[in-house]
Structures are given as C-alpha cells and as structure tokens.
C-alpha atoms as a PDB file:
ATOM      1  CA  MET A   1     -70.438 -88.147  99.958  1.00  0.00           C
ATOM      2  CA  ALA A   2     -69.994 -88.132  96.199  1.00  0.00           C
ATOM      3  CA  THR A   3     -68.606 -85.079  94.533  1.00  0.00           C
ATOM      4  CA  THR A   4     -68.950 -84.139  90.910  1.00  0.00           C
ATOM      5  CA  PRO A   5     -65.891 -82.924  89.013  1.00  0.00           C
ATOM      6  CA  SER A   6     -65.853 -79.262  88.230  1.00  0.00           C
ATOM      7  CA  LEU A   7     -65.622 -77.911  84.707  1.00  0.00           C
ATOM      8  CA  GLN A   8     -61.948 -77.017  85.262  1.00  0.00           C
ATOM      9  CA  ASP A   9     -61.144 -80.593  86.352  1.00  0.00           C
ATOM     10  CA  THR A  10     -62.863 -81.939  83.240  1.00  0.00           C
ATOM     11  CA  LEU A  11     -60.850 -79.603  81.027  1.00  0.00           C
ATOM     12  CA  ASP A  12     -57.632 -80.633  82.778  1.00  0.00           C
ATOM     13  CA  LEU A  13     -58.437 -84.292  82.158  1.00  0.00           C
ATOM     14  CA  ARG A  14     -59.130 -83.624  78.480  1.00  0.00           C
ATOM     15  CA  GLU A  15     -55.845 -81.741  78.206  1.00  0.00           C
ATOM     16  CA  GLN A  16     -53.975 -84.609  79.839  1.00  0.00           C
ATOM     17  CA  ILE A  17     -55.659 -87.145  77.540  1.00  0.00           C
ATOM     18  CA  ALA A  18     -54.738 -85.038  74.492  1.00  0.00           C
ATOM     19  CA  ARG A  19     -51.135 -84.837  75.713  1.00  0.00           C
ATOM     20  CA  ILE A  20     -51.027 -88.614  76.262  1.00  0.00           C
ATOM     21  CA  ASP A  21     -52.447 -89.241  72.774  1.00  0.00           C
ATOM     22  CA  LYS A  22     -49.822 -86.956  71.249  1.00  0.00           C
ATOM     23  CA  THR A  23     -47.052 -88.695  73.182  1.00  0.00           C
ATOM     24  CA  GLN A  24     -48.275 -92.113  72.046  1.00  0.00           C
ATOM     25  CA  ALA A  25     -48.352 -90.933  68.420  1.00  0.00           C
ATOM     26  CA  ASP A  26     -44.779 -89.662  68.781  1.00  0.00           C
ATOM     27  CA  ILE A  27     -43.702 -93.006  70.246  1.00  0.00           C
ATOM     28  CA  GLN A  28     -45.320 -94.918  67.369  1.00  0.00           C
ATOM     29  CA  LYS A  29     -43.580 -92.656  64.837  1.00  0.00           C
ATOM     30  CA  THR A  30     -40.237 -93.172  66.576  1.00  0.00           C
ATOM     31  CA  GLN A  31     -40.753 -96.942  66.608  1.00  0.00           C
ATOM     32  CA  ALA A  32     -41.562 -96.929  62.885  1.00  0.00           C
ATOM     33  CA  ASP A  33     -38.419 -94.896  62.159  1.00  0.00           C
ATOM     34  CA  LEU A  34     -36.348 -97.285  64.270  1.00  0.00           C
ATOM     35  CA  ALA A  35     -37.756-100.305  62.413  1.00  0.00           C
ATOM     36  CA  LYS A  36     -36.838 -98.646  59.102  1.00  0.00           C
ATOM     37  CA  VAL A  37     -33.272 -97.975  60.274  1.00  0.00           C
ATOM     38  CA  LYS A  38     -32.917-101.551  61.547  1.00  0.00           C
ATOM     39  CA  LEU A  39     -33.983-102.848  58.144  1.00  0.00           C
ATOM     40  CA  GLU A  40     -31.486-100.574  56.373  1.00  0.00           C
ATOM     41  CA  VAL A  41     -28.668-101.681  58.686  1.00  0.00           C
ATOM     42  CA  LYS A  42     -29.567-105.328  58.120  1.00  0.00           C
ATOM     43  CA  TYR A  43     -28.955-105.028  54.358  1.00  0.00           C
ATOM     44  CA  TYR A  44     -26.082-102.517  54.536  1.00  0.00           C
ATOM     45  CA  PRO A  45     -23.173-105.050  54.305  1.00  0.00           C
ATOM     46  CA  GLY A  46     -24.585-106.588  51.127  1.00  0.00           C
ATOM     47  CA  VAL A  47     -25.014-103.189  49.530  1.00  0.00           C
ATOM     48  CA  LEU A  48     -21.485-102.227  50.562  1.00  0.00           C
ATOM     49  CA  VAL A  49     -20.002-105.341  48.942  1.00  0.00           C
ATOM     50  CA  PHE A  50     -21.962-104.726  45.740  1.00  0.00           C
ATOM     51  CA  GLN A  51     -20.827-101.088  45.557  1.00  0.00           C
ATOM     52  CA  GLY A  52     -17.230-102.141  46.195  1.00  0.00           C
ATOM     53  CA  ALA A  53     -17.395-104.710  43.396  1.00  0.00           C
ATOM     54  CA  ALA A  54     -18.880-102.153  41.007  1.00  0.00           C
ATOM     55  CA  ALA A  55     -16.139 -99.636  41.885  1.00  0.00           C
ATOM     56  CA  LEU A  56     -13.442-102.273  41.393  1.00  0.00           C
ATOM     57  CA  ALA A  57     -14.890-103.192  37.997  1.00  0.00           C
ATOM     58  CA  ALA A  58     -14.875 -99.519  36.967  1.00  0.00           C
ATOM     59  CA  ILE A  59     -11.251 -99.097  38.064  1.00  0.00           C
ATOM     60  CA  LEU A  60     -10.170-102.237  36.181  1.00  0.00           C
ATOM     61  CA  ALA A  61     -12.000-101.100  33.049  1.00  0.00           C
ATOM     62  CA  ALA A  62     -10.347 -97.677  33.244  1.00  0.00           C
ATOM     63  CA  ALA A  63      -6.921 -99.272  33.758  1.00  0.00           C
ATOM     64  CA  ALA A  64      -7.487-101.564  30.770  1.00  0.00           C
ATOM     65  CA  ALA A  65      -8.472 -98.595  28.619  1.00  0.00           C
ATOM     66  CA  ILE A  66      -5.357 -96.654  29.653  1.00  0.00           C
ATOM     67  CA  VAL A  67      -3.120 -99.653  28.915  1.00  0.00           C
ATOM     68  CA  LYS A  68      -4.790-100.123  25.525  1.00  0.00           C
ATOM     69  CA  ILE A  69      -4.254 -96.429  24.635  1.00  0.00           C
ATOM     70  CA  PHE A  70      -0.559 -96.377  25.557  1.00  0.00           C
ATOM     71  CA  ALA A  71       0.332 -99.882  24.350  1.00  0.00           C
END
C-alpha cells in the first residue's frame, strides 16, 4: 500500500535540503580559505628571505651613514 507524504514531511525534507545546501556552501568556503592559506605558506620562506635582505641592507646603509658622519 503506497502512502503519500504529508505536508509536514515535505516541509521537513525541504528544511533538511536547505541545511545540507548551507553546510556544503560552508565546506566550499572553508576549502577555498584553506587553499589560499596553503598558497601563502608555500611562498612564505621566499618572502621572509627577501624581507631579511631588505632589513640588512637598511641596517648597513644606516651604519655607513653614521660612520660617515662621525669620521
């Protein structure tokens, strides 16, 4: 004997589908954020070396200027 779903069952299904869709959208957003972080971490050592070299150059230039002033 076949039964037809009641209106309440149909609404419950729609609510569950909406909740699943929202969860899937949250998962996709989280995955996109994770991919962005992975990309940033991949290039972080190169950026760190470049910033260190720029800081060293600034320190050497300042030291040279101080020596030139007092010499």
